Amino acid sequence: MSRIVIALGGNALGNTASEQLELVRETAKPIVDLIAEGNQVVIAHGNGPQVGMINLGMSTAAAAGAIKADMPFPECGAMSQGYIGYHLQNAIGNELRTRAIHKEVVTVVTQVLVDENDSAFQHPTKPVGAFYDKETAEKISREKGYTMVEDAGRGYRQVVPSPKPIDVIEKNAVEALIAAGQVVVTVGGGGIPVVRRDGALYGTPAVIDKDFASEKLAELLDADELIILTAVEKVAINYNKPDVQWLSRLTPEDAEKYSAQGQFAPGSMLPKVQAAVMFARSKKGRKAIITSLHKALDAISGKTGTVVEM
């Protein structure tokens, strides 16, 4: 039996509640495959599209006078954790029942500690929300004061600060649930960013990268494996070029060499590779796997995926 933390991308969850609920029914199947093999499974997920849309929707409602004020970003993050967590609980729970596996699925609304002096607060880089054309993005920027940037050729999106995670506040509660045999959904969207002042915790407007938060969680839970799920089966160098090379294994040293060459796209594959390297280096015997959702079980069995280990 292995303890596995799965990092599920927010972009894989759909753009509307109904679309997301339909998509997670398929997402649940390979996750339950891993549970059926006897593994302890903890699920983390992104929330970039969802938290941005919640934030913009609340801002628009406030501008129209439908609500009294904008909803702060930490609260938008908590909302996204709740509704994505509900959908994952529902879908995974139903799939477990279909297979007569008697486990409950629990979502923990999770706070993640960051340093308020992190330089990320001066340089917003994390894309959130929907994609827009240039004209619409410029209009939103003028009206809302958001920082909008072009994102990987797919359109323009809002960017917010993305500080590095230091600690997961609810880690002991997550550990207790795992020990009780539950399937846990946690650090959703990278967790709700909080800073500590005079012993108290305060929410701060940012979005923590879910790959880094998942890596920190995997360390704190002493997981055996970190599985980072993405749109491709393996990591590649020279991606989208005639001489593309798909990688089955990646050492931390090679990963850093390729990163320095600009082989991995910032905000896309780069944080996944960086998080995988951090986990592989954190303790002897730990490994990270980067692969697609539907290849997760094959990747654990060593049949596919990119394995990052010392």
Protein backbone atom coordinates (compact mmCIF):
# COMPACT_ATOMS: atom_id res chain seq x y z
CA MET A 1 0.00 0.00 0.00
CA SER A 2 1.26 3.46 -0.92
CA ARG A 3 0.19 6.88 0.28
CA ILE A 4 -0.38 8.96 -2.84
CA VAL A 5 -1.12 12.66 -3.25
CA ILE A 6 -2.78 13.44 -6.57
CA ALA A 7 -2.60 16.98 -7.97
CA LEU A 8 -5.52 17.52 -10.35
CA GLY A 9 -5.51 20.55 -12.66
CA GLY A 10 -8.26 23.17 -12.38
CA ASN A 11 -8.44 23.54 -16.16
CA ALA A 12 -9.54 19.88 -16.36
CA LEU A 13 -12.66 20.60 -14.33
CA GLY A 14 -14.73 22.56 -16.86
CA ASN A 15 -16.00 26.12 -17.19
CA THR A 16 -19.48 25.80 -15.68
CA ALA A 17 -20.91 23.94 -12.69
CA SER A 18 -22.89 21.52 -14.89
CA GLU A 19 -19.91 20.89 -17.17
CA GLN A 20 -17.67 20.31 -14.17
CA LEU A 21 -20.09 17.87 -12.54
CA GLU A 22 -20.17 15.85 -15.77
CA LEU A 23 -16.38 15.91 -16.19
CA VAL A 24 -15.59 14.80 -12.64
CA ARG A 25 -17.64 11.63 -13.16
CA GLU A 26 -14.94 10.57 -15.60
CA THR A 27 -12.19 12.01 -13.39
CA ALA A 28 -13.39 9.80 -10.52
CA LYS A 29 -12.81 6.51 -12.33
CA PRO A 30 -8.98 6.49 -12.51
CA ILE A 31 -8.81 7.94 -8.98
CA VAL A 32 -10.96 5.08 -7.68
CA ASP A 33 -8.78 2.65 -9.65
CA LEU A 34 -5.91 3.72 -7.39
CA ILE A 35 -8.06 3.37 -4.25
CA ALA A 36 -9.22 -0.09 -5.38
CA GLU A 37 -5.55 -1.14 -5.53
CA GLY A 38 -5.34 -0.52 -1.79
CA ASN A 39 -3.61 2.86 -1.86
CA GLN A 40 -4.30 5.75 0.52
CA VAL A 41 -5.29 8.56 -1.84
CA VAL A 42 -5.36 12.28 -1.09
CA ILE A 43 -6.65 14.62 -3.81
CA ALA A 44 -5.51 18.18 -4.37
CA HIS A 45 -6.83 20.29 -7.22
CA GLY A 46 -6.39 23.58 -9.01
CA ASN A 47 -8.99 26.33 -9.15
CA GLY A 48 -7.54 28.92 -11.55
CA PRO A 49 -10.56 29.16 -13.88
CA GLN A 50 -13.10 28.77 -11.08
CA VAL A 51 -11.71 31.25 -8.54
CA GLY A 52 -11.22 33.88 -11.23
CA MET A 53 -14.79 33.52 -12.45
CA ILE A 54 -16.15 33.68 -8.89
CA ASN A 55 -14.09 36.79 -8.21
CA LEU A 56 -15.16 38.51 -11.42
CA GLY A 57 -18.79 37.49 -10.92
CA MET A 58 -18.85 38.93 -7.42
CA SER A 59 -17.13 42.09 -8.63
CA THR A 60 -19.69 42.50 -11.41
CA ALA A 61 -22.56 41.91 -8.97
CA ALA A 62 -21.14 44.55 -6.63
CA ALA A 63 -20.79 47.04 -9.51
CA ALA A 64 -24.43 46.40 -10.44
CA GLY A 65 -25.54 46.97 -6.83
CA ALA A 66 -26.77 43.39 -6.41
CA ILE A 67 -24.43 42.88 -3.44
CA LYS A 68 -22.91 45.47 -1.11
CA ALA A 69 -19.21 44.88 -1.84
CA ASP A 70 -16.71 42.80 -3.78
CA MET A 71 -15.90 39.40 -2.31
CA PRO A 72 -12.25 39.27 -1.14
CA PHE A 73 -10.00 36.82 -2.97
CA PRO A 74 -9.45 34.46 0.01
CA GLU A 75 -13.22 34.06 0.36
CA CYS A 76 -13.48 33.37 -3.39
CA GLY A 77 -10.84 30.68 -2.93
CA ALA A 78 -12.86 29.14 -0.09
CA MET A 79 -15.98 29.14 -2.30
CA SER A 80 -14.10 27.36 -5.07
CA GLN A 81 -12.78 24.76 -2.60
CA GLY A 82 -16.33 24.10 -1.45
CA TYR A 83 -17.97 23.67 -4.80
CA ILE A 84 -15.15 21.77 -6.51
CA GLY A 85 -14.80 19.62 -3.38
CA TYR A 86 -18.53 18.86 -3.42
CA HIS A 87 -18.36 17.74 -7.04
CA LEU A 88 -15.34 15.52 -6.37
CA GLN A 89 -16.94 14.08 -3.22
CA ASN A 90 -20.11 13.33 -5.15
CA ALA A 91 -18.42 11.74 -8.16
CA ILE A 92 -15.77 9.75 -6.29
CA GLY A 93 -18.29 8.67 -3.66
CA ASN A 94 -20.68 7.40 -6.33
CA GLU A 95 -17.89 5.54 -8.11
CA LEU A 96 -16.80 3.93 -4.81
CA ARG A 97 -20.37 2.80 -4.13
CA THR A 98 -20.66 1.39 -7.65
CA ARG A 99 -17.65 -0.81 -6.87
CA ALA A 100 -18.85 -1.66 -3.34
CA ILE A 101 -15.83 0.06 -1.77
CA HIS A 102 -16.91 1.31 1.66
CA LYS A 103 -15.09 4.60 2.10
CA GLU A 104 -16.27 8.15 2.60
CA VAL A 105 -14.92 11.17 0.73
CA VAL A 106 -14.29 14.32 2.75
CA THR A 107 -13.38 17.83 1.62
CA VAL A 108 -11.31 19.95 4.01
CA VAL A 109 -11.48 23.71 3.47
CA THR A 110 -7.76 24.26 3.79
CA GLN A 111 -5.64 27.28 4.74
CA VAL A 112 -2.04 27.37 3.54
CA LEU A 113 0.53 29.59 5.21
CA VAL A 114 2.58 31.97 3.05
CA ASP A 115 5.13 34.69 3.84
CA GLU A 116 3.66 38.18 3.43
CA ASN A 117 7.16 39.34 2.45
CA ASP A 118 7.26 36.88 -0.46
CA SER A 119 8.39 38.81 -3.55
CA ALA A 120 5.48 37.26 -5.49
CA PHE A 121 3.19 39.89 -3.97
CA GLN A 122 5.02 42.57 -5.97
CA HIS A 123 4.93 40.55 -9.22
CA PRO A 124 1.55 38.95 -10.04
CA THR A 125 2.08 35.92 -12.31
CA LYS A 126 -0.65 33.33 -11.62
CA PRO A 127 -3.34 33.20 -14.35
CA VAL A 128 -6.90 32.85 -13.04
CA GLY A 129 -10.37 32.99 -14.52
CA ALA A 130 -11.63 32.80 -18.06
CA PHE A 131 -9.77 33.56 -21.29
CA TYR A 132 -10.58 36.82 -23.12
CA ASP A 133 -9.63 38.46 -26.38
CA LYS A 134 -7.32 41.46 -26.16
CA GLU A 135 -10.07 44.08 -26.43
CA THR A 136 -12.19 42.53 -23.68
CA ALA A 137 -9.13 42.04 -21.46
CA GLU A 138 -8.17 45.70 -21.81
CA LYS A 139 -11.74 46.73 -20.92
CA ILE A 140 -11.71 44.55 -17.77
CA SER A 141 -8.30 45.94 -16.83
CA ARG A 142 -9.56 49.55 -17.13
CA GLU A 143 -12.81 48.91 -15.26
CA LYS A 144 -11.63 46.52 -12.53
CA GLY A 145 -7.95 47.41 -12.20
CA TYR A 146 -6.95 43.78 -12.81
CA THR A 147 -3.58 42.84 -14.29
CA MET A 148 -4.31 41.01 -17.56
CA VAL A 149 -1.67 39.14 -19.58
CA GLU A 150 -1.55 36.88 -22.63
CA ASP A 151 -1.47 33.23 -21.50
CA ALA A 152 0.31 30.61 -23.64
CA GLY A 153 -1.35 31.67 -26.89
CA ARG A 154 -4.83 30.89 -25.58
CA GLY A 155 -6.00 34.42 -24.89
CA TYR A 156 -5.74 36.96 -22.07
CA ARG A 157 -6.35 36.21 -18.38
CA GLN A 158 -6.14 37.98 -15.06
CA VAL A 159 -2.95 37.35 -13.08
CA VAL A 160 -2.63 37.52 -9.29
CA PRO A 161 0.28 36.99 -6.84
CA SER A 162 1.37 33.38 -6.35
CA PRO A 163 3.47 33.08 -3.16
CA LYS A 164 5.16 29.80 -2.19
CA PRO A 165 3.48 27.62 0.47
CA ILE A 166 5.20 27.25 3.84
CA ASP A 167 2.79 25.06 5.81
CA VAL A 168 -0.68 23.50 5.60
CA ILE A 169 -2.64 24.65 8.63
CA GLU A 170 -5.09 21.71 8.70
CA LYS A 171 -2.45 19.00 8.08
CA ASN A 172 -3.18 17.17 11.34
CA ALA A 173 -6.90 17.01 10.56
CA VAL A 174 -6.08 15.63 7.09
CA GLU A 175 -3.75 13.03 8.65
CA ALA A 176 -6.47 11.94 11.09
CA LEU A 177 -8.99 11.49 8.27
CA ILE A 178 -6.52 9.42 6.23
CA ALA A 179 -5.77 7.27 9.28
CA ALA A 180 -9.51 6.70 9.65
CA GLY A 181 -9.63 5.30 6.12
CA GLN A 182 -11.26 8.28 4.41
CA VAL A 183 -10.49 9.70 0.98
CA VAL A 184 -9.56 13.36 1.47
CA VAL A 185 -9.86 16.34 -0.89
CA THR A 186 -7.65 19.13 0.42
CA VAL A 187 -5.47 22.17 -0.44
CA GLY A 188 -8.00 22.92 -3.18
CA GLY A 189 -6.73 25.61 -5.52
CA GLY A 190 -3.42 25.52 -3.66
CA GLY A 191 -5.23 26.32 -0.41
CA ILE A 192 -6.54 29.62 0.93
CA PRO A 193 -3.42 31.80 1.35
CA VAL A 194 -3.01 33.07 4.91
CA VAL A 195 -0.28 35.04 6.65
CA ARG A 196 0.55 34.97 10.37
CA ARG A 197 0.67 38.19 12.36
CA ASP A 198 1.06 38.18 16.15
CA GLY A 199 0.02 34.54 16.26
CA ALA A 200 -3.21 35.02 14.28
CA LEU A 201 -3.94 33.99 10.69
CA TYR A 202 -5.26 36.42 8.09
CA GLY A 203 -6.37 35.70 4.53
CA THR A 204 -4.38 37.44 1.80
CA PRO A 205 -5.33 38.09 -1.87
CA ALA A 206 -3.36 35.54 -3.89
CA VAL A 207 -3.56 32.09 -5.47
CA ILE A 208 -0.97 29.50 -4.49
CA ASP A 209 0.14 27.25 -7.32
CA LYS A 210 -1.59 23.91 -6.76
CA ASP A 211 1.50 21.91 -7.78
CA PHE A 212 3.65 23.56 -5.10
CA ALA A 213 0.88 23.25 -2.50
CA SER A 214 0.40 19.58 -3.40
CA GLU A 215 4.15 19.01 -3.05
CA LYS A 216 4.21 20.68 0.37
CA LEU A 217 1.20 18.59 1.45
CA ALA A 218 2.84 15.38 0.20
CA GLU A 219 5.95 16.17 2.27
CA LEU A 220 3.94 16.96 5.41
CA LEU A 221 1.88 13.75 5.06
CA ASP A 222 5.02 11.69 4.40
CA ALA A 223 3.53 10.45 1.12
CA ASP A 224 5.31 7.85 -0.94
CA GLU A 225 4.33 9.30 -4.29
CA LEU A 226 3.16 12.59 -5.74
CA ILE A 227 1.21 12.24 -8.97
CA ILE A 228 0.85 15.47 -10.92
CA LEU A 229 -1.83 15.13 -13.57
CA THR A 230 -1.77 17.20 -16.74
CA ALA A 231 -2.96 17.11 -20.35
CA VAL A 232 -0.08 14.97 -21.66
CA GLU A 233 1.05 11.43 -20.89
CA LYS A 234 4.72 12.38 -20.42
CA VAL A 235 6.92 15.44 -20.05
CA ALA A 236 8.65 16.46 -23.28
CA ILE A 237 11.57 18.55 -24.41
CA ASN A 238 11.30 20.36 -27.75
CA TYR A 239 7.54 20.21 -27.24
CA ASN A 240 5.45 20.87 -30.38
CA LYS A 241 8.58 20.62 -32.54
CA PRO A 242 9.58 17.96 -35.11
CA ASP A 243 12.33 16.68 -32.80
CA VAL A 244 10.08 16.38 -29.72
CA GLN A 245 11.43 13.93 -27.13
CA TRP A 246 9.10 12.34 -24.58
CA LEU A 247 10.80 11.56 -21.27
CA SER A 248 10.11 8.42 -19.22
CA ARG A 249 12.55 9.34 -16.44
CA LEU A 250 13.92 12.64 -15.26
CA THR A 251 16.57 13.28 -12.65
CA PRO A 252 16.47 16.54 -10.67
CA GLU A 253 19.71 17.57 -12.35
CA ASP A 254 18.35 17.01 -15.87
CA ALA A 255 15.11 18.76 -14.93
CA GLU A 256 17.04 21.83 -13.82
CA LYS A 257 19.17 21.77 -16.98
CA TYR A 258 16.09 21.62 -19.22
CA SER A 259 14.34 24.30 -17.14
CA ALA A 260 17.31 26.63 -17.62
CA GLN A 261 17.04 26.04 -21.38
CA GLY A 262 13.40 27.21 -21.30
CA GLN A 263 12.05 23.77 -22.24
CA PHE A 264 9.06 23.99 -19.89
CA ALA A 265 6.39 26.68 -20.18
CA PRO A 266 6.02 28.99 -17.14
CA GLY A 267 2.58 28.65 -15.55
CA SER A 268 2.10 25.31 -17.30
CA MET A 269 4.67 22.48 -17.25
CA LEU A 270 7.43 24.38 -15.41
CA PRO A 271 5.78 24.44 -11.94
CA LYS A 272 4.87 20.75 -12.32
CA VAL A 273 8.48 19.81 -13.01
CA GLN A 274 9.75 22.08 -10.21
CA ALA A 275 7.28 20.59 -7.70
CA ALA A 276 8.21 17.06 -8.79
CA VAL A 277 11.91 17.81 -8.26
CA MET A 278 11.25 19.29 -4.81
CA PHE A 279 9.36 16.17 -3.71
CA ALA A 280 11.93 13.75 -5.15
CA ARG A 281 14.68 15.58 -3.25
CA SER A 282 12.75 15.90 0.02
CA LYS A 283 13.45 12.36 1.27
CA LYS A 284 15.20 9.24 0.01
CA GLY A 285 12.83 6.87 -1.79
CA ARG A 286 10.20 9.45 -2.70
CA LYS A 287 9.20 9.84 -6.32
CA ALA A 288 6.95 12.08 -8.35
CA ILE A 289 5.12 11.10 -11.53
CA ILE A 290 3.83 13.51 -14.15
CA THR A 291 1.21 12.02 -16.47
CA SER A 292 -2.35 12.37 -17.77
CA LEU A 293 -5.39 11.54 -15.64
CA HIS A 294 -6.39 8.40 -17.50
CA LYS A 295 -2.86 7.00 -17.40
CA ALA A 296 -2.44 7.38 -13.64
CA LEU A 297 -2.77 3.68 -12.81
CA ASP A 298 -0.45 2.68 -15.67
CA ALA A 299 2.05 5.31 -14.49
CA ILE A 300 2.05 3.93 -10.93
CA SER A 301 2.69 0.49 -12.45
CA GLY A 302 5.70 1.86 -14.32
CA LYS A 303 4.12 1.54 -17.77
CA THR A 304 4.04 5.22 -18.71
CA GLY A 305 4.37 8.77 -17.37
CA THR A 306 7.51 10.69 -16.47
CA VAL A 307 9.07 9.53 -13.21
CA VAL A 308 11.11 12.12 -11.33
CA GLU A 309 13.37 10.64 -8.69
CA MET A 310 16.92 10.78 -7.34
